[in-house]
Amino acid sequence: METRNHSTVFSGLVVDIEQMDVLIGSQGWYTYQIVRHPGGAAVLPLHEDGSVTLIRQLRPAVGEFLLELPAGRLAPGEDPQLAAGRELVEETGLSAGTLESLGVLHSSPGVFDEVIHLYLATGLTQGEAEPEDYEEISCVRLPLEEALKMAEEGAITDGKTITALLRARRYLP
């Protein structure tokens, strides 16, 4: 990809916005704005009985509480698997014996460069959750089949959660 005229038009707490011109084949140069995000890690805790633990948390961007995976932003240079394990403990109190990759998700590649690393957590043990001061989180445990149905019917709308649930479908008996 050939680019020119890079500039940062906004620097924020979580994201930056970069503007650049991109050469699109023989069509010529077009200006794009890209939201730069450090990426994240998200984890689907799967219990031995076939249930999963999701979290319900307020998402101010959409003005409502969403049911989603425990997840968090990556620190610079942080290993995504370590971040997933950290977020699982912080948001649910669960610790994983095993974290298996469910691949990555490009959340909205037309605008964002964010990559979310997805994991399946098994061999779970329960401890105390330690959410951030700004987080209002409650845990919801339900059968994986029920969570899949909620995703299919639109009751779960978070993209990373839908993706992880669909990828974890192979763990159904």
N, C-alpha and C. Protein backbone atom coordinates (compact mmCIF):
# COMPACT_ATOMS: atom_id res chain seq x y z
N MET A 1 0.86 -1.18 0.00
CA MET A 1 0.00 0.00 0.00
C MET A 1 0.89 1.23 0.00
N GLU A 2 0.61 2.11 -0.93
CA GLU A 2 1.39 3.35 -1.04
C GLU A 2 0.61 4.49 -0.39
N THR A 3 1.29 5.21 0.52
CA THR A 3 0.66 6.31 1.25
C THR A 3 1.55 7.54 1.22
N ARG A 4 0.94 8.68 1.53
CA ARG A 4 1.68 9.94 1.63
C ARG A 4 0.88 10.90 2.53
N ASN A 5 1.50 12.00 2.91
CA ASN A 5 0.85 13.06 3.68
C ASN A 5 0.24 12.57 4.99
N HIS A 6 1.02 11.82 5.76
CA HIS A 6 0.56 11.33 7.07
C HIS A 6 0.54 12.49 8.07
N SER A 7 -0.54 12.55 8.84
CA SER A 7 -0.59 13.50 9.96
C SER A 7 -1.53 12.95 11.02
N THR A 8 -1.23 13.29 12.27
CA THR A 8 -2.11 12.92 13.37
C THR A 8 -3.02 14.11 13.62
N VAL A 9 -4.33 13.89 13.44
CA VAL A 9 -5.29 14.99 13.59
C VAL A 9 -5.92 15.01 14.98
N PHE A 10 -5.73 13.92 15.75
CA PHE A 10 -6.25 13.87 17.11
C PHE A 10 -5.43 12.86 17.90
N SER A 11 -5.04 13.22 19.12
CA SER A 11 -4.39 12.30 20.05
C SER A 11 -5.23 12.26 21.31
N GLY A 12 -5.74 11.07 21.64
CA GLY A 12 -6.62 10.95 22.79
C GLY A 12 -6.07 10.04 23.87
N LEU A 13 -6.91 9.78 24.86
CA LEU A 13 -6.53 8.90 25.97
C LEU A 13 -6.37 7.46 25.52
N VAL A 14 -7.22 7.02 24.59
CA VAL A 14 -7.23 5.63 24.15
C VAL A 14 -6.86 5.50 22.68
N VAL A 15 -7.29 6.43 21.85
CA VAL A 15 -7.07 6.33 20.41
C VAL A 15 -6.45 7.61 19.86
N ASP A 16 -5.81 7.46 18.71
CA ASP A 16 -5.35 8.59 17.91
C ASP A 16 -6.05 8.48 16.57
N ILE A 17 -6.19 9.61 15.89
CA ILE A 17 -6.74 9.59 14.53
C ILE A 17 -5.68 10.12 13.59
N GLU A 18 -5.37 9.30 12.60
CA GLU A 18 -4.35 9.64 11.62
C GLU A 18 -5.02 9.87 10.27
N GLN A 19 -4.55 10.87 9.56
CA GLN A 19 -5.06 11.14 8.21
C GLN A 19 -3.92 10.93 7.23
N MET A 20 -4.24 10.34 6.09
CA MET A 20 -3.23 10.08 5.06
C MET A 20 -3.91 9.96 3.71
N ASP A 21 -3.10 10.10 2.69
CA ASP A 21 -3.56 9.83 1.34
C ASP A 21 -3.10 8.43 0.96
N VAL A 22 -3.99 7.66 0.33
CA VAL A 22 -3.70 6.28 -0.06
C VAL A 22 -3.92 6.16 -1.56
N LEU A 23 -2.95 5.55 -2.25
CA LEU A 23 -3.08 5.30 -3.67
C LEU A 23 -3.94 4.06 -3.86
N ILE A 24 -5.10 4.23 -4.53
CA ILE A 24 -6.03 3.13 -4.77
C ILE A 24 -5.93 2.74 -6.25
N GLY A 25 -5.07 1.77 -6.53
CA GLY A 25 -4.90 1.28 -7.89
C GLY A 25 -4.77 2.40 -8.90
N SER A 26 -5.48 2.28 -10.02
CA SER A 26 -5.43 3.30 -11.07
C SER A 26 -6.43 4.43 -10.81
N GLN A 27 -7.21 4.33 -9.71
CA GLN A 27 -8.21 5.35 -9.40
C GLN A 27 -7.57 6.63 -8.86
N GLY A 28 -6.36 6.53 -8.31
CA GLY A 28 -5.67 7.72 -7.82
C GLY A 28 -5.57 7.77 -6.30
N TRP A 29 -5.29 8.96 -5.80
CA TRP A 29 -5.06 9.19 -4.38
C TRP A 29 -6.36 9.60 -3.69
N TYR A 30 -6.62 9.00 -2.54
CA TYR A 30 -7.81 9.32 -1.75
C TYR A 30 -7.40 9.50 -0.29
N THR A 31 -8.05 10.46 0.38
CA THR A 31 -7.75 10.76 1.77
C THR A 31 -8.55 9.85 2.69
N TYR A 32 -7.85 9.25 3.67
CA TYR A 32 -8.47 8.38 4.66
C TYR A 32 -8.12 8.88 6.05
N GLN A 33 -9.05 8.68 6.97
CA GLN A 33 -8.77 8.89 8.38
C GLN A 33 -8.90 7.53 9.06
N ILE A 34 -7.89 7.19 9.84
CA ILE A 34 -7.83 5.88 10.50
C ILE A 34 -7.70 6.09 12.00
N VAL A 35 -8.53 5.38 12.74
CA VAL A 35 -8.46 5.41 14.20
C VAL A 35 -7.42 4.38 14.62
N ARG A 36 -6.38 4.87 15.28
CA ARG A 36 -5.29 3.99 15.74
C ARG A 36 -5.58 3.58 17.19
N HIS A 37 -5.58 2.28 17.44
CA HIS A 37 -5.89 1.72 18.75
C HIS A 37 -4.82 0.68 19.10
N PRO A 38 -4.41 0.58 20.36
CA PRO A 38 -3.33 -0.35 20.71
C PRO A 38 -3.72 -1.83 20.64
N GLY A 39 -4.98 -2.13 20.42
CA GLY A 39 -5.42 -3.52 20.35
C GLY A 39 -5.88 -4.02 21.70
N GLY A 40 -6.45 -5.21 21.68
CA GLY A 40 -6.98 -5.74 22.92
C GLY A 40 -6.94 -7.25 22.96
N ALA A 41 -7.34 -7.77 24.11
CA ALA A 41 -7.45 -9.21 24.31
C ALA A 41 -8.78 -9.48 25.00
N ALA A 42 -9.45 -10.53 24.57
CA ALA A 42 -10.75 -10.90 25.13
C ALA A 42 -10.77 -12.41 25.33
N VAL A 43 -11.53 -12.83 26.34
CA VAL A 43 -11.48 -14.25 26.71
C VAL A 43 -12.88 -14.77 27.01
N LEU A 44 -13.17 -15.96 26.48
CA LEU A 44 -14.43 -16.65 26.74
C LEU A 44 -14.17 -17.75 27.76
N PRO A 45 -14.62 -17.57 29.00
CA PRO A 45 -14.43 -18.62 30.01
C PRO A 45 -15.46 -19.73 29.83
N LEU A 46 -14.98 -20.94 29.58
CA LEU A 46 -15.84 -22.11 29.38
C LEU A 46 -15.67 -23.05 30.57
N HIS A 47 -16.75 -23.23 31.33
CA HIS A 47 -16.73 -24.09 32.51
C HIS A 47 -16.90 -25.55 32.10
N GLU A 48 -16.52 -26.45 32.99
CA GLU A 48 -16.60 -27.89 32.71
C GLU A 48 -18.01 -28.36 32.40
N ASP A 49 -19.03 -27.66 32.93
CA ASP A 49 -20.42 -28.07 32.69
C ASP A 49 -20.98 -27.53 31.37
N GLY A 50 -20.13 -26.89 30.56
CA GLY A 50 -20.58 -26.36 29.28
C GLY A 50 -21.16 -24.96 29.35
N SER A 51 -21.09 -24.33 30.49
CA SER A 51 -21.57 -22.94 30.61
C SER A 51 -20.40 -21.98 30.39
N VAL A 52 -20.75 -20.74 30.11
CA VAL A 52 -19.75 -19.68 29.93
C VAL A 52 -20.08 -18.52 30.87
N THR A 53 -19.07 -17.77 31.22
CA THR A 53 -19.28 -16.56 32.00
C THR A 53 -19.04 -15.36 31.12
N LEU A 54 -20.06 -14.53 30.99
CA LEU A 54 -19.95 -13.26 30.28
C LEU A 54 -20.10 -12.16 31.32
N ILE A 55 -19.80 -10.93 30.90
CA ILE A 55 -19.98 -9.81 31.81
C ILE A 55 -20.99 -8.84 31.22
N ARG A 56 -21.69 -8.17 32.10
CA ARG A 56 -22.61 -7.10 31.69
C ARG A 56 -21.97 -5.82 32.18
N GLN A 57 -21.70 -4.90 31.23
CA GLN A 57 -21.07 -3.65 31.64
C GLN A 57 -21.59 -2.48 30.82
N LEU A 58 -21.56 -1.33 31.44
CA LEU A 58 -22.00 -0.11 30.79
C LEU A 58 -21.02 0.28 29.70
N ARG A 59 -21.56 0.55 28.51
CA ARG A 59 -20.75 1.03 27.39
C ARG A 59 -21.28 2.41 27.00
N PRO A 60 -20.66 3.47 27.50
CA PRO A 60 -21.14 4.82 27.22
C PRO A 60 -21.27 5.16 25.74
N ALA A 61 -20.44 4.57 24.89
CA ALA A 61 -20.50 4.86 23.45
C ALA A 61 -21.86 4.51 22.85
N VAL A 62 -22.52 3.47 23.40
CA VAL A 62 -23.83 3.08 22.89
C VAL A 62 -24.93 3.38 23.90
N GLY A 63 -24.55 3.88 25.07
CA GLY A 63 -25.53 4.31 26.07
C GLY A 63 -26.31 3.20 26.73
N GLU A 64 -25.72 2.01 26.84
CA GLU A 64 -26.43 0.92 27.48
C GLU A 64 -25.46 -0.12 28.01
N PHE A 65 -26.00 -1.05 28.82
CA PHE A 65 -25.22 -2.17 29.31
C PHE A 65 -25.23 -3.25 28.24
N LEU A 66 -24.06 -3.82 27.96
CA LEU A 66 -23.94 -4.90 26.98
C LEU A 66 -23.44 -6.16 27.66
N LEU A 67 -23.84 -7.28 27.12
CA LEU A 67 -23.36 -8.59 27.56
C LEU A 67 -22.20 -8.95 26.64
N GLU A 68 -21.02 -9.18 27.24
CA GLU A 68 -19.84 -9.38 26.42
C GLU A 68 -18.77 -10.19 27.14
N LEU A 69 -17.68 -10.44 26.43
CA LEU A 69 -16.54 -11.14 27.00
C LEU A 69 -15.77 -10.24 27.95
N PRO A 70 -15.12 -10.81 28.96
CA PRO A 70 -14.12 -10.05 29.69
C PRO A 70 -13.02 -9.67 28.70
N ALA A 71 -12.61 -8.42 28.71
CA ALA A 71 -11.64 -7.95 27.72
C ALA A 71 -10.97 -6.68 28.20
N GLY A 72 -9.86 -6.37 27.56
CA GLY A 72 -9.18 -5.13 27.89
C GLY A 72 -8.17 -4.74 26.84
N ARG A 73 -7.72 -3.52 26.96
CA ARG A 73 -6.76 -2.92 26.05
C ARG A 73 -5.36 -3.46 26.37
N LEU A 74 -4.56 -3.63 25.33
CA LEU A 74 -3.18 -4.07 25.50
C LEU A 74 -2.30 -2.88 25.87
N ALA A 75 -1.40 -3.10 26.81
CA ALA A 75 -0.36 -2.11 27.09
C ALA A 75 0.70 -2.24 25.99
N PRO A 76 1.48 -1.19 25.73
CA PRO A 76 2.51 -1.29 24.68
C PRO A 76 3.43 -2.48 24.91
N GLY A 77 3.53 -3.34 23.89
CA GLY A 77 4.40 -4.50 23.94
C GLY A 77 3.88 -5.66 24.76
N GLU A 78 2.67 -5.56 25.31
CA GLU A 78 2.13 -6.61 26.16
C GLU A 78 1.74 -7.84 25.35
N ASP A 79 2.01 -9.01 25.90
CA ASP A 79 1.61 -10.27 25.29
C ASP A 79 0.09 -10.39 25.41
N PRO A 80 -0.62 -10.58 24.29
CA PRO A 80 -2.09 -10.65 24.35
C PRO A 80 -2.62 -11.77 25.24
N GLN A 81 -1.94 -12.90 25.29
CA GLN A 81 -2.40 -14.00 26.12
C GLN A 81 -2.31 -13.63 27.61
N LEU A 82 -1.24 -12.96 27.99
CA LEU A 82 -1.12 -12.50 29.38
C LEU A 82 -2.19 -11.47 29.71
N ALA A 83 -2.48 -10.59 28.75
CA ALA A 83 -3.53 -9.58 28.95
C ALA A 83 -4.89 -10.26 29.13
N ALA A 84 -5.15 -11.29 28.33
CA ALA A 84 -6.43 -12.01 28.44
C ALA A 84 -6.58 -12.63 29.82
N GLY A 85 -5.53 -13.26 30.31
CA GLY A 85 -5.57 -13.85 31.64
C GLY A 85 -5.77 -12.80 32.72
N ARG A 86 -5.11 -11.67 32.58
CA ARG A 86 -5.25 -10.58 33.54
C ARG A 86 -6.68 -10.05 33.56
N GLU A 87 -7.25 -9.80 32.40
CA GLU A 87 -8.61 -9.27 32.31
C GLU A 87 -9.64 -10.25 32.85
N LEU A 88 -9.42 -11.54 32.61
CA LEU A 88 -10.32 -12.56 33.12
C LEU A 88 -10.39 -12.49 34.65
N VAL A 89 -9.24 -12.40 35.29
CA VAL A 89 -9.20 -12.32 36.76
C VAL A 89 -9.82 -11.01 37.23
N GLU A 90 -9.41 -9.89 36.63
CA GLU A 90 -9.90 -8.57 37.07
C GLU A 90 -11.42 -8.47 36.98
N GLU A 91 -11.99 -8.93 35.88
CA GLU A 91 -13.40 -8.68 35.62
C GLU A 91 -14.33 -9.77 36.14
N THR A 92 -13.82 -10.99 36.34
CA THR A 92 -14.70 -12.08 36.79
C THR A 92 -14.21 -12.79 38.05
N GLY A 93 -12.94 -12.63 38.38
CA GLY A 93 -12.36 -13.39 39.48
C GLY A 93 -11.95 -14.79 39.07
N LEU A 94 -12.18 -15.17 37.82
CA LEU A 94 -11.82 -16.49 37.33
C LEU A 94 -10.35 -16.53 36.90
N SER A 95 -9.69 -17.65 37.19
CA SER A 95 -8.34 -17.90 36.68
C SER A 95 -8.42 -19.12 35.77
N ALA A 96 -7.66 -19.07 34.68
CA ALA A 96 -7.70 -20.14 33.69
C ALA A 96 -6.51 -21.08 33.85
N GLY A 97 -6.77 -22.38 33.81
CA GLY A 97 -5.70 -23.35 33.73
C GLY A 97 -5.08 -23.34 32.34
N THR A 98 -5.92 -23.10 31.33
CA THR A 98 -5.47 -23.09 29.93
C THR A 98 -6.15 -21.95 29.19
N LEU A 99 -5.37 -21.24 28.40
CA LEU A 99 -5.90 -20.23 27.47
C LEU A 99 -5.53 -20.67 26.06
N GLU A 100 -6.54 -20.92 25.25
CA GLU A 100 -6.34 -21.37 23.87
C GLU A 100 -6.78 -20.27 22.92
N SER A 101 -5.96 -19.99 21.92
CA SER A 101 -6.28 -18.94 20.97
C SER A 101 -7.51 -19.30 20.14
N LEU A 102 -8.40 -18.33 20.00
CA LEU A 102 -9.53 -18.43 19.07
C LEU A 102 -9.31 -17.50 17.88
N GLY A 103 -8.07 -17.07 17.68
CA GLY A 103 -7.72 -16.20 16.56
C GLY A 103 -7.90 -14.74 16.89
N VAL A 104 -7.94 -13.92 15.85
CA VAL A 104 -8.06 -12.48 16.03
C VAL A 104 -9.31 -11.97 15.33
N LEU A 105 -9.67 -10.76 15.69
CA LEU A 105 -10.81 -10.07 15.10
C LEU A 105 -10.38 -8.65 14.75
N HIS A 106 -10.65 -8.24 13.53
CA HIS A 106 -10.50 -6.83 13.14
C HIS A 106 -11.88 -6.22 13.33
N SER A 107 -12.01 -5.39 14.37
CA SER A 107 -13.34 -4.96 14.82
C SER A 107 -14.10 -4.12 13.81
N SER A 108 -13.43 -3.25 13.11
CA SER A 108 -14.08 -2.42 12.09
C SER A 108 -12.99 -1.90 11.15
N PRO A 109 -12.46 -2.77 10.26
CA PRO A 109 -11.27 -2.45 9.49
C PRO A 109 -11.42 -1.33 8.46
N GLY A 110 -12.62 -0.85 8.25
CA GLY A 110 -12.79 0.29 7.37
C GLY A 110 -12.36 1.59 8.02
N VAL A 111 -12.27 1.59 9.36
CA VAL A 111 -11.96 2.82 10.10
C VAL A 111 -10.89 2.60 11.16
N PHE A 112 -10.89 1.43 11.83
CA PHE A 112 -10.00 1.16 12.96
C PHE A 112 -8.89 0.19 12.56
N ASP A 113 -7.70 0.36 13.18
CA ASP A 113 -6.66 -0.64 13.00
C ASP A 113 -6.63 -1.63 14.17
N GLU A 114 -7.61 -1.53 15.08
CA GLU A 114 -7.67 -2.38 16.27
C GLU A 114 -7.71 -3.86 15.90
N VAL A 115 -6.88 -4.64 16.58
CA VAL A 115 -6.89 -6.09 16.49
C VAL A 115 -7.21 -6.62 17.88
N ILE A 116 -8.24 -7.46 17.98
CA ILE A 116 -8.59 -8.06 19.26
C ILE A 116 -8.20 -9.54 19.20
N HIS A 117 -7.38 -9.96 20.15
CA HIS A 117 -6.94 -11.34 20.27
C HIS A 117 -7.96 -12.08 21.14
N LEU A 118 -8.53 -13.15 20.61
CA LEU A 118 -9.57 -13.90 21.30
C LEU A 118 -9.02 -15.21 21.87
N TYR A 119 -9.47 -15.53 23.07
CA TYR A 119 -9.01 -16.74 23.75
C TYR A 119 -10.19 -17.48 24.36
N LEU A 120 -10.01 -18.80 24.50
CA LEU A 120 -10.94 -19.65 25.22
C LEU A 120 -10.23 -20.07 26.51
N ALA A 121 -10.86 -19.82 27.65
CA ALA A 121 -10.28 -20.19 28.94
C ALA A 121 -10.98 -21.43 29.46
N THR A 122 -10.19 -22.43 29.87
CA THR A 122 -10.72 -23.64 30.49
C THR A 122 -9.90 -23.94 31.75
N GLY A 123 -10.34 -24.95 32.50
CA GLY A 123 -9.66 -25.27 33.75
C GLY A 123 -9.80 -24.12 34.74
N LEU A 124 -11.04 -23.63 34.87
CA LEU A 124 -11.30 -22.41 35.63
C LEU A 124 -11.38 -22.63 37.13
N THR A 125 -10.84 -21.68 37.87
CA THR A 125 -11.01 -21.64 39.32
C THR A 125 -11.51 -20.24 39.69
N GLN A 126 -12.37 -20.18 40.69
CA GLN A 126 -13.01 -18.91 41.08
C GLN A 126 -12.23 -18.23 42.21
N GLY A 127 -11.98 -16.96 42.02
CA GLY A 127 -11.39 -16.10 43.05
C GLY A 127 -12.20 -14.83 43.14
N GLU A 128 -11.58 -13.76 43.59
CA GLU A 128 -12.25 -12.46 43.71
C GLU A 128 -11.95 -11.59 42.51
N ALA A 129 -12.99 -10.97 41.96
CA ALA A 129 -12.82 -10.01 40.86
C ALA A 129 -12.19 -8.73 41.41
N GLU A 130 -11.44 -8.05 40.55
CA GLU A 130 -10.78 -6.79 40.90
C GLU A 130 -10.98 -5.78 39.78
N PRO A 131 -12.23 -5.36 39.51
CA PRO A 131 -12.45 -4.43 38.40
C PRO A 131 -11.80 -3.07 38.64
N GLU A 132 -11.55 -2.37 37.55
CA GLU A 132 -11.02 -1.01 37.62
C GLU A 132 -12.06 -0.12 38.30
N ASP A 133 -11.62 0.99 38.87
CA ASP A 133 -12.52 1.91 39.56
C ASP A 133 -13.66 2.42 38.67
N TYR A 134 -13.39 2.57 37.38
CA TYR A 134 -14.37 3.12 36.45
C TYR A 134 -15.29 2.05 35.84
N GLU A 135 -15.14 0.79 36.24
CA GLU A 135 -15.94 -0.29 35.66
C GLU A 135 -17.09 -0.69 36.58
N GLU A 136 -18.27 -0.81 36.01
CA GLU A 136 -19.42 -1.37 36.72
C GLU A 136 -19.78 -2.65 35.99
N ILE A 137 -19.37 -3.78 36.58
CA ILE A 137 -19.45 -5.07 35.92
C ILE A 137 -20.22 -6.06 36.78
N SER A 138 -21.08 -6.86 36.13
CA SER A 138 -21.68 -8.01 36.80
C SER A 138 -21.46 -9.22 35.91
N CYS A 139 -21.26 -10.38 36.53
CA CYS A 139 -21.03 -11.62 35.79
C CYS A 139 -22.35 -12.33 35.54
N VAL A 140 -22.44 -12.94 34.36
CA VAL A 140 -23.62 -13.71 33.96
C VAL A 140 -23.12 -15.06 33.46
N ARG A 141 -23.53 -16.12 34.14
CA ARG A 141 -23.14 -17.47 33.72
C ARG A 141 -24.34 -18.14 33.08
N LEU A 142 -24.14 -18.67 31.87
CA LEU A 142 -25.22 -19.32 31.14
C LEU A 142 -24.66 -20.41 30.25
N PRO A 143 -25.50 -21.37 29.83
CA PRO A 143 -25.02 -22.42 28.95
C PRO A 143 -24.49 -21.83 27.63
N LEU A 144 -23.42 -22.41 27.11
CA LEU A 144 -22.86 -21.96 25.83
C LEU A 144 -23.93 -21.96 24.75
N GLU A 145 -24.77 -22.98 24.72
CA GLU A 145 -25.84 -23.04 23.71
C GLU A 145 -26.78 -21.85 23.82
N GLU A 146 -27.11 -21.43 25.04
CA GLU A 146 -27.98 -20.27 25.24
C GLU A 146 -27.30 -18.98 24.79
N ALA A 147 -26.01 -18.84 25.09
CA ALA A 147 -25.26 -17.66 24.65
C ALA A 147 -25.20 -17.60 23.13
N LEU A 148 -25.00 -18.74 22.48
CA LEU A 148 -25.00 -18.79 21.02
C LEU A 148 -26.35 -18.37 20.45
N LYS A 149 -27.42 -18.85 21.06
CA LYS A 149 -28.76 -18.47 20.61
C LYS A 149 -28.98 -16.96 20.77
N MET A 150 -28.52 -16.41 21.90
CA MET A 150 -28.65 -14.97 22.12
C MET A 150 -27.88 -14.18 21.06
N ALA A 151 -26.70 -14.68 20.68
CA ALA A 151 -25.91 -14.01 19.63
C ALA A 151 -26.63 -14.10 18.28
N GLU A 152 -27.17 -15.27 17.98
CA GLU A 152 -27.87 -15.45 16.70
C GLU A 152 -29.13 -14.60 16.61
N GLU A 153 -29.81 -14.40 17.74
CA GLU A 153 -31.08 -13.66 17.74
C GLU A 153 -30.91 -12.17 17.99
N GLY A 154 -29.67 -11.72 18.21
CA GLY A 154 -29.43 -10.28 18.38
C GLY A 154 -29.48 -9.77 19.80
N ALA A 155 -29.62 -10.66 20.79
CA ALA A 155 -29.61 -10.21 22.18
C ALA A 155 -28.19 -9.88 22.64
N ILE A 156 -27.19 -10.53 22.03
CA ILE A 156 -25.78 -10.17 22.22
C ILE A 156 -25.36 -9.47 20.94
N THR A 157 -24.91 -8.22 21.07
CA THR A 157 -24.58 -7.41 19.89
C THR A 157 -23.10 -7.07 19.77
N ASP A 158 -22.31 -7.38 20.78
CA ASP A 158 -20.88 -7.08 20.77
C ASP A 158 -20.14 -8.02 19.81
N GLY A 159 -19.43 -7.45 18.85
CA GLY A 159 -18.79 -8.23 17.81
C GLY A 159 -17.77 -9.24 18.30
N LYS A 160 -16.92 -8.84 19.26
CA LYS A 160 -15.90 -9.77 19.74
C LYS A 160 -16.55 -10.96 20.45
N THR A 161 -17.65 -10.71 21.14
CA THR A 161 -18.34 -11.77 21.85
C THR A 161 -19.01 -12.73 20.88
N ILE A 162 -19.67 -12.20 19.88
CA ILE A 162 -20.31 -13.04 18.86
C ILE A 162 -19.27 -13.91 18.16
N THR A 163 -18.15 -13.29 17.79
CA THR A 163 -17.09 -14.03 17.10
C THR A 163 -16.54 -15.16 17.96
N ALA A 164 -16.22 -14.86 19.22
CA ALA A 164 -15.68 -15.90 20.11
C ALA A 164 -16.68 -17.02 20.34
N LEU A 165 -17.95 -16.66 20.53
CA LEU A 165 -18.97 -17.70 20.73
C LEU A 165 -19.07 -18.61 19.51
N LEU A 166 -19.08 -18.03 18.32
CA LEU A 166 -19.17 -18.85 17.12
C LEU A 166 -17.95 -19.73 16.95
N ARG A 167 -16.77 -19.21 17.27
CA ARG A 167 -15.56 -20.00 17.14
C ARG A 167 -15.48 -21.10 18.21
N ALA A 168 -16.13 -20.86 19.35
CA ALA A 168 -16.12 -21.85 20.44
C ALA A 168 -17.21 -22.91 20.25
N ARG A 169 -18.05 -22.74 19.27
CA ARG A 169 -19.16 -23.68 19.03
C ARG A 169 -18.66 -25.13 18.92
N ARG A 170 -17.46 -25.32 18.44
CA ARG A 170 -16.93 -26.68 18.26
C ARG A 170 -16.72 -27.41 19.58
N TYR A 171 -16.82 -26.70 20.71
CA TYR A 171 -16.65 -27.33 22.02
C TYR A 171 -17.97 -27.86 22.59
N LEU A 172 -19.05 -27.67 21.85
CA LEU A 172 -20.34 -28.23 22.28
C LEU A 172 -20.29 -29.75 22.17
N PRO A 173 -20.93 -30.46 23.10
CA PRO A 173 -20.93 -31.93 23.04
C PRO A 173 -21.68 -32.44 21.82
